[in-house]
Each structure stands twice: as structure tokens, then as C-alpha cells.
């Protein structure tokens, strides 16, 4: 257990859906710091020796486990739960996959693919992606959220007003996350830890990686919040900015189509410039490239851009 933590919650204390009837695994007071051990998005079904066949044989009902829930004393509907993200202890193992039927370009990439990562868990030096690329690492938790007010079991996959599977890569160490509270105690859980991800997570997976997360909790009483917000304490792209970017665009009246066109354009560019297969370029885009809305005011067409960091290939 980390020296600053009051408790450690082990990864066995996890669940696969949001449900406000779940019994909390721990009750804490505001101001306490807790260490959470988080499984990867496959709940340990994918290992360092896994193959594409193992990927397709996994139990799809056991995805994105989250550790918790934690009951925060004094938390009530209408409050804000402030989650200060203190540190991550990565495992050194990760995986990225193209899963048929999932991802922005699922209709174009219909065959499964799997890449196993072995990265430097201490120094976090850029992780090798074959002979073609090396990806700067930035650990974060893809899923952090409170239990919703609506009764019953709700899927862990879509993000919600109370947080959940938001996959925001800037929810890293040094960021403060603010979440609406809808039930007594908030019932907070965390998981889906990543060693790196691009904005958009376009193929549907990042560098999925088990790791420990240290979080500090506080309450802001009776301050209604419609949606999650967060504040960073410094730059958010410095790990990728060093060599500039290659950028492709998608232009048209539909933002989703624009996003697809921008990513497709980058995959075409990467395969033309390197020897990598298109599906590898797709997965690489997911772990380090960024989708950005560049313009939404010049009707009837909007511009979506996809930024790929040159440092990954140089």
C-alpha cells in the first residue's frame, strides 16, 4: 500500500455494471486517499501470451471491470464528488485489439487483430509497436464514476452523466475530476486503466493495462453539476508535441462521417509512408492519435481533424 493511502482495495473487489444496490466495499470520509488495484478491460482474460484466437474466445460479458464501489460519508444527491488523481503504478503489460463489430471503422476492419505490449513500467519510456513505431506513455483510468440514481443494473460501456467509461486521456495524475452525486454515498468505482490512448480511442481499445491508482476524495456540498468536468494542473500534450503532427481532415455536414473520413485518411497516409498493415495503423491511431473538432460554425459543413504525432515514427 502507498504511504499516503488509508486503504488499498484489491482488484477482486470489482463489478461489471452500474447498480446503486451494490454493497460498498469500503466506507471512507472526505479527505481520505485510497489505492485501487484495477484489472485490464478484459478482466485478465487477455495475457502476455494471448493470441487472436484467445481474443475471440473471451467472455464478452466480462469487460471493463471497475474496482469498488466506495461509499463516501456525507455524499448526497446534489453534491459534487471531487476526485483528485494522485498517481498510477503501471504493470508493464498491455494489449490493443481490433474487435470485430466495435470501433469507429468497424465496417472497414472486420477481422480481429491483437497487439501485446511489454513496456517500461518504471521509467515509462516510449513503448515499441513492432519495428515501425514507439508510443509515448501517459497512464490514466478510462472509467471513473458514481452510481446512477436509476435502479437496476446498467451497462458499464456507455459514459453517463455521473461519469463512467469516459475514456478521457487527460484524466491522468495531477488532474481533478468533478462528478455529480445522484445517490447517498456516491458509490464511486474506477477501472479500465490505460498506459496510453489517443483522443477518440478510434479502434475501440487503447493500451489496455492493469495498474494501481491512487485517488483522494472530497465533497462540494449542494452544488448541482449537470455533467462531469475536470481541471488539469499543467500541459496535456507535452508527451506527444516534440516533433509536430501529420494531420488529415474530414469535411461535411455530419461530424461522425467527418471523423471516419479523417481517420481513414490517416490510415492511408501511414500505410503509404511505412510498411505496416492497415489494421496496425488503425490500432496505432487509437493509442496515440487525436480526433479534434476544428470547426462547427461554417454551415452546412463541419471540419474534423485527426492529429498523428510524428515522434511516434521518428
Protein backbone atom coordinates (compact mmCIF):
# COMPACT_ATOMS: atom_id res chain seq x y z
CA UNK A 1 0.00 0.00 0.00
CA UNK A 2 1.24 3.52 -0.79
CA UNK A 3 2.43 5.51 2.23
CA UNK A 4 -0.19 8.25 1.80
CA UNK A 5 -3.15 5.87 1.45
CA UNK A 6 -5.67 4.99 4.12
CA UNK A 7 -6.68 1.73 2.40
CA UNK A 8 -5.98 -0.45 -0.62
CA UNK A 9 -8.90 -2.04 -2.48
CA UNK A 10 -7.80 -5.12 -4.39
CA UNK A 11 -8.92 -5.89 -7.93
CA UNK A 12 -11.04 -8.86 -6.81
CA UNK A 13 -13.47 -6.30 -5.34
CA UNK A 14 -14.83 -5.33 -8.75
CA UNK A 15 -18.08 -5.36 -10.70
CA UNK A 16 -19.23 -5.21 -14.34
CA UNK A 17 -22.14 -2.78 -14.30
CA UNK A 18 -23.50 0.31 -12.53
CA UNK A 19 -26.08 -0.56 -9.88
CA UNK A 20 -26.93 1.58 -6.86
CA UNK A 21 -27.98 -1.51 -4.90
CA UNK A 22 -24.42 -2.87 -4.82
CA UNK A 23 -22.98 -3.06 -1.33
CA UNK A 24 -19.95 -0.78 -0.91
CA UNK A 25 -16.62 -2.49 -0.40
CA UNK A 26 -15.42 0.38 1.78
CA UNK A 27 -16.76 3.47 3.57
CA UNK A 28 -14.47 6.49 3.66
CA UNK A 29 -14.57 10.06 4.92
CA UNK A 30 -13.95 13.10 2.70
CA UNK A 31 -10.25 13.88 2.54
CA UNK A 32 -9.10 10.26 2.54
CA UNK A 33 -6.70 8.86 -0.06
CA UNK A 34 -7.34 5.34 -1.39
CA UNK A 35 -5.33 2.97 -3.58
CA UNK A 36 -7.36 0.94 -6.08
CA UNK A 37 -5.95 -2.11 -7.86
CA UNK A 38 -7.57 -2.23 -11.30
CA UNK A 39 -7.82 -5.06 -13.80
CA UNK A 40 -7.45 -4.51 -17.52
CA UNK A 41 -10.54 -4.19 -19.73
CA UNK A 42 -10.63 -7.95 -20.36
CA UNK A 43 -10.70 -8.73 -16.63
CA UNK A 44 -7.48 -10.68 -17.04
CA UNK A 45 -8.71 -12.84 -19.91
CA UNK A 46 -6.01 -11.47 -22.22
CA UNK A 47 -2.44 -12.16 -21.05
CA UNK A 48 1.07 -11.70 -22.38
CA UNK A 49 0.80 -14.99 -24.27
CA UNK A 50 -2.70 -14.48 -25.70
CA UNK A 51 -3.45 -14.90 -29.40
CA UNK A 52 -6.16 -13.61 -31.71
CA UNK A 53 -7.99 -16.87 -31.02
CA UNK A 54 -7.94 -16.10 -27.30
CA UNK A 55 -9.27 -12.61 -28.04
CA UNK A 56 -12.27 -14.06 -29.88
CA UNK A 57 -12.87 -16.75 -27.24
CA UNK A 58 -13.03 -14.31 -24.31
CA UNK A 59 -16.25 -13.91 -22.31
CA UNK A 60 -17.63 -10.62 -23.67
CA UNK A 61 -19.90 -10.23 -20.64
CA UNK A 62 -16.79 -9.63 -18.52
CA UNK A 63 -15.48 -6.36 -19.90
CA UNK A 64 -14.35 -3.14 -18.23
CA UNK A 65 -14.44 -4.32 -14.61
CA UNK A 66 -14.34 -1.44 -12.13
CA UNK A 67 -12.99 -1.66 -8.60
CA UNK A 68 -15.43 -0.58 -5.89
CA UNK A 69 -17.91 0.81 -5.11
CA UNK A 70 -16.73 3.14 -2.36
CA UNK A 71 -19.25 4.88 -0.08
CA UNK A 72 -18.19 8.46 0.70
CA UNK A 73 -19.64 9.55 4.02
CA UNK A 74 -21.85 12.62 3.78
CA UNK A 75 -22.29 12.47 -0.01
CA UNK A 76 -25.88 13.23 -1.03
CA UNK A 77 -27.74 13.86 -4.30
CA UNK A 78 -26.94 17.38 -5.45
CA UNK A 79 -23.35 17.25 -4.17
CA UNK A 80 -20.18 17.07 -6.23
CA UNK A 81 -17.60 14.36 -5.61
CA UNK A 82 -14.12 15.76 -6.23
CA UNK A 83 -11.65 13.05 -7.23
CA UNK A 84 -8.01 14.16 -7.16
CA UNK A 85 -5.93 11.78 -9.29
CA UNK A 86 -2.65 11.35 -7.44
CA UNK A 87 -0.63 8.62 -9.11
CA UNK A 88 -0.56 5.42 -11.18
CA UNK A 89 1.58 2.32 -10.75
CA UNK A 90 1.54 0.59 -14.16
CA UNK A 91 2.11 -3.15 -14.60
CA UNK A 92 4.30 -3.16 -17.73
CA UNK A 93 1.84 -5.36 -19.64
CA UNK A 94 -0.83 -4.19 -22.03
CA UNK A 95 -2.80 -5.05 -25.13
CA UNK A 96 -4.56 -3.33 -28.02
CA UNK A 97 -7.08 -5.08 -30.25
CA UNK A 98 -9.33 -4.65 -33.20
CA UNK A 99 -12.55 -6.37 -32.13
CA UNK A 100 -14.98 -7.13 -34.97
CA UNK A 101 -18.12 -5.02 -34.75
CA UNK A 102 -16.51 -2.44 -32.44
CA UNK A 103 -14.74 0.82 -33.22
CA UNK A 104 -15.15 3.87 -35.44
CA UNK A 105 -14.29 1.97 -38.63
CA UNK A 106 -15.82 -1.39 -37.72
CA UNK A 107 -17.28 -1.76 -41.21
CA UNK A 108 -13.82 -1.40 -42.76
CA UNK A 109 -11.90 -3.61 -40.32
CA UNK A 110 -13.90 -6.79 -39.91
CA UNK A 111 -11.10 -9.19 -38.91
CA UNK A 112 -9.73 -9.43 -35.37
CA UNK A 113 -6.22 -8.28 -34.54
CA UNK A 114 -4.24 -8.21 -31.29
CA UNK A 115 -1.03 -6.45 -30.26
CA UNK A 116 0.64 -7.33 -26.95
CA UNK A 117 2.70 -4.57 -25.30
CA UNK A 118 5.68 -5.05 -22.97
CA UNK A 119 6.56 -1.58 -21.68
CA UNK A 120 8.83 0.04 -19.10
CA UNK A 121 6.64 0.28 -16.01
CA UNK A 122 9.17 2.36 -14.05
CA UNK A 123 10.63 4.85 -16.49
CA UNK A 124 7.64 4.81 -18.84
CA UNK A 125 9.88 5.16 -21.88
CA UNK A 126 8.02 5.02 -25.23
CA UNK A 127 6.63 1.54 -25.89
CA UNK A 128 7.64 -0.25 -29.09
CA UNK A 129 4.98 -1.08 -31.67
CA UNK A 130 6.86 -3.54 -33.88
CA UNK A 131 9.73 -2.06 -35.86
CA UNK A 132 7.72 0.89 -37.14
CA UNK A 133 6.73 2.93 -34.10
CA UNK A 134 7.24 3.80 -30.45
CA UNK A 135 4.40 5.28 -28.41
CA UNK A 136 4.90 7.78 -25.56
CA UNK A 137 3.04 6.60 -22.47
CA UNK A 138 0.57 8.51 -20.31
CA UNK A 139 -1.27 6.29 -17.79
CA UNK A 140 -4.87 7.11 -16.92
CA UNK A 141 -8.14 5.47 -15.93
CA UNK A 142 -10.71 5.20 -18.70
CA UNK A 143 -13.60 4.62 -16.30
CA UNK A 144 -14.31 6.65 -13.16
CA UNK A 145 -17.83 7.29 -11.98
CA UNK A 146 -20.61 7.24 -9.42
CA UNK A 147 -23.69 5.05 -9.32
CA UNK A 148 -26.71 6.45 -11.20
CA UNK A 149 -30.00 7.18 -9.46
CA UNK A 150 -31.99 4.91 -11.75
CA UNK A 151 -32.48 1.48 -10.21
CA UNK A 152 -31.23 -1.72 -11.77
CA UNK A 153 -28.08 -2.93 -13.50
CA UNK A 154 -26.76 -0.62 -16.23
CA UNK A 155 -24.07 -1.39 -18.81
CA UNK A 156 -20.56 -0.27 -17.98
CA UNK A 157 -19.79 0.58 -21.62
CA UNK A 158 -21.51 3.92 -22.35
CA UNK A 159 -20.47 7.00 -20.36
CA UNK A 160 -23.13 8.68 -18.24
CA UNK A 161 -24.00 11.94 -16.52
CA UNK A 162 -22.29 10.62 -13.39
CA UNK A 163 -19.12 9.69 -15.28
CA UNK A 164 -18.23 6.11 -16.10
CA UNK A 165 -16.46 4.97 -19.26
CA UNK A 166 -15.46 8.43 -20.49
CA UNK A 167 -12.04 7.39 -21.90
CA UNK A 168 -10.58 10.90 -21.50
CA UNK A 169 -6.82 10.52 -21.72
CA UNK A 170 -6.21 13.69 -19.70
CA UNK A 171 -7.70 12.12 -16.57
CA UNK A 172 -4.12 11.35 -15.57
CA UNK A 173 -2.04 12.06 -12.48
CA UNK A 174 -2.38 15.70 -11.48
CA UNK A 175 -5.96 16.12 -12.69
CA UNK A 176 -9.00 16.86 -10.53
CA UNK A 177 -12.27 15.27 -11.67
CA UNK A 178 -15.67 16.57 -10.52
CA UNK A 179 -18.62 14.17 -10.67
CA UNK A 180 -22.33 14.69 -9.94
CA UNK A 181 -23.66 12.67 -7.00
CA UNK A 182 -27.06 11.01 -7.55
CA UNK A 183 -27.24 8.53 -4.64
CA UNK A 184 -26.28 8.58 -0.97
CA UNK A 185 -22.58 7.87 -0.57
CA UNK A 186 -21.89 8.46 -4.28
CA UNK A 187 -20.82 4.78 -4.69
CA UNK A 188 -17.68 5.53 -6.71
CA UNK A 189 -15.78 2.94 -8.79
CA UNK A 190 -12.72 3.07 -11.05
CA UNK A 191 -11.16 0.83 -13.71
CA UNK A 192 -10.35 0.39 -17.42
CA UNK A 193 -6.80 1.62 -16.87
CA UNK A 194 -4.70 2.51 -19.92
CA UNK A 195 -0.98 3.05 -20.47
CA UNK A 196 -1.71 5.32 -23.44
CA UNK A 197 -4.60 6.40 -25.66
CA UNK A 198 -5.34 8.96 -28.32
CA UNK A 199 -8.34 11.27 -28.08
CA UNK A 200 -11.15 9.29 -29.66
CA UNK A 201 -9.82 5.75 -28.96
CA UNK A 202 -10.81 5.15 -32.57
CA UNK A 203 -10.41 1.37 -32.84
CA UNK A 204 -12.20 0.85 -29.52
CA UNK A 205 -9.17 -0.09 -27.43
CA UNK A 206 -6.15 1.77 -26.04
CA UNK A 207 -3.11 0.20 -24.42
CA UNK A 208 -5.34 -1.74 -22.03
CA UNK A 209 -3.25 -2.36 -18.94
CA UNK A 210 -3.82 -3.39 -15.32
CA UNK A 211 -2.42 -0.94 -12.79
CA UNK A 212 -2.88 0.61 -9.35
CA UNK A 213 -4.48 4.04 -9.00
CA UNK A 214 -4.25 6.43 -6.03
CA UNK A 215 -7.17 8.85 -5.58
CA UNK A 216 -8.14 11.43 -2.95
CA UNK A 217 -11.83 12.22 -2.36
CA UNK A 218 -13.55 15.40 -1.25
CA UNK A 219 -17.10 16.74 -1.30
CA UNK A 220 -18.52 20.02 -2.55
CA UNK A 221 -21.90 20.22 -0.88
CA UNK A 222 -25.15 21.11 -2.66
CA UNK A 223 -23.61 22.47 -5.85
CA UNK A 224 -25.58 20.89 -8.69
CA UNK A 225 -23.46 19.77 -11.64
CA UNK A 226 -25.09 18.68 -14.90
CA UNK A 227 -22.12 16.79 -16.35
CA UNK A 228 -18.62 15.79 -15.25
CA UNK A 229 -15.86 18.37 -15.52
CA UNK A 230 -12.14 18.27 -14.78
CA UNK A 231 -9.17 20.56 -14.27
CA UNK A 232 -5.59 19.82 -15.25
CA UNK A 233 -2.58 21.21 -13.41
CA UNK A 234 -0.33 21.59 -16.44
CA UNK A 235 0.09 20.86 -20.18
CA UNK A 236 -1.80 17.89 -21.59
CA UNK A 237 0.04 17.02 -24.84
CA UNK A 238 3.69 17.62 -23.98
CA UNK A 239 4.44 13.87 -24.26
CA UNK A 240 3.48 13.99 -27.98
CA UNK A 241 4.32 17.51 -29.15
CA UNK A 242 8.08 17.24 -29.65
CA UNK A 243 8.15 16.58 -33.43
CA UNK A 244 4.85 18.07 -34.55
CA UNK A 245 1.99 16.24 -36.26
CA UNK A 246 0.68 14.87 -39.50
CA UNK A 247 -2.97 15.91 -39.83
CA UNK A 248 -5.79 14.61 -42.03
CA UNK A 249 -9.30 16.03 -42.19
CA UNK A 250 -12.90 15.05 -42.81
CA UNK A 251 -15.27 17.73 -44.12
CA UNK A 252 -19.05 17.52 -44.49
CA UNK A 253 -22.42 18.03 -42.78
CA UNK A 254 -22.07 15.11 -40.33
CA UNK A 255 -19.45 15.06 -37.56
CA UNK A 256 -19.35 11.27 -37.31
CA UNK A 257 -18.77 10.91 -41.05
CA UNK A 258 -16.11 13.60 -40.80
CA UNK A 259 -14.39 11.70 -38.01
CA UNK A 260 -14.43 8.50 -40.05
CA UNK A 261 -13.01 10.27 -43.11
CA UNK A 262 -10.24 11.91 -41.08
CA UNK A 263 -9.15 8.61 -39.51
CA UNK A 264 -9.39 6.73 -42.81
CA UNK A 265 -7.21 9.38 -44.39
CA UNK A 266 -4.57 8.96 -41.70
CA UNK A 267 -4.56 5.18 -42.08
CA UNK A 268 -4.00 5.62 -45.83
CA UNK A 269 -1.16 8.05 -45.12
CA UNK A 270 0.55 5.79 -42.56
CA UNK A 271 0.38 2.70 -44.74
CA UNK A 272 1.82 4.68 -47.65
CA UNK A 273 4.70 6.01 -45.53
CA UNK A 274 5.54 2.80 -43.64
CA UNK A 275 5.42 -0.96 -44.11
CA UNK A 276 2.67 -1.50 -41.54
CA UNK A 277 -0.63 -3.19 -42.36
CA UNK A 278 -3.78 -1.06 -42.38
CA UNK A 279 -5.17 -2.72 -39.24
CA UNK A 280 -1.90 -1.98 -37.41
CA UNK A 281 -2.13 1.67 -38.49
CA UNK A 282 -5.73 1.69 -37.20
CA UNK A 283 -4.68 0.36 -33.78
CA UNK A 284 -1.74 2.76 -33.65
CA UNK A 285 -4.07 5.67 -34.36
CA UNK A 286 -6.21 4.54 -31.44
CA UNK A 287 -3.37 4.61 -28.91
CA UNK A 288 -1.68 7.90 -29.87
CA UNK A 289 -3.65 9.94 -32.45
CA UNK A 290 -6.16 12.66 -31.59
CA UNK A 291 -9.53 13.46 -33.14
CA UNK A 292 -10.40 17.15 -32.89
CA UNK A 293 -13.39 19.19 -33.98
CA UNK A 294 -11.78 22.04 -35.87
CA UNK A 295 -14.88 23.95 -36.99
CA UNK A 296 -18.64 23.74 -36.37
CA UNK A 297 -19.85 27.18 -37.45
CA UNK A 298 -19.49 27.34 -41.22
CA UNK A 299 -22.73 25.62 -42.20
CA UNK A 300 -23.53 23.35 -43.84
CA UNK A 301 -20.11 21.65 -43.49
CA UNK A 302 -18.02 20.98 -40.40
CA UNK A 303 -14.32 20.07 -40.14
CA UNK A 304 -12.92 17.18 -38.10
CA UNK A 305 -9.12 16.78 -37.94
CA UNK A 306 -7.01 13.80 -36.95
CA UNK A 307 -3.60 14.59 -35.45
CA UNK A 308 -0.91 11.90 -35.55
CA UNK A 309 2.31 12.71 -33.62
CA UNK A 310 5.45 12.48 -35.73
CA UNK A 311 7.53 11.47 -32.71
CA UNK A 312 5.91 8.02 -32.84
CA UNK A 313 7.56 7.23 -36.18
CA UNK A 314 10.81 9.21 -35.90
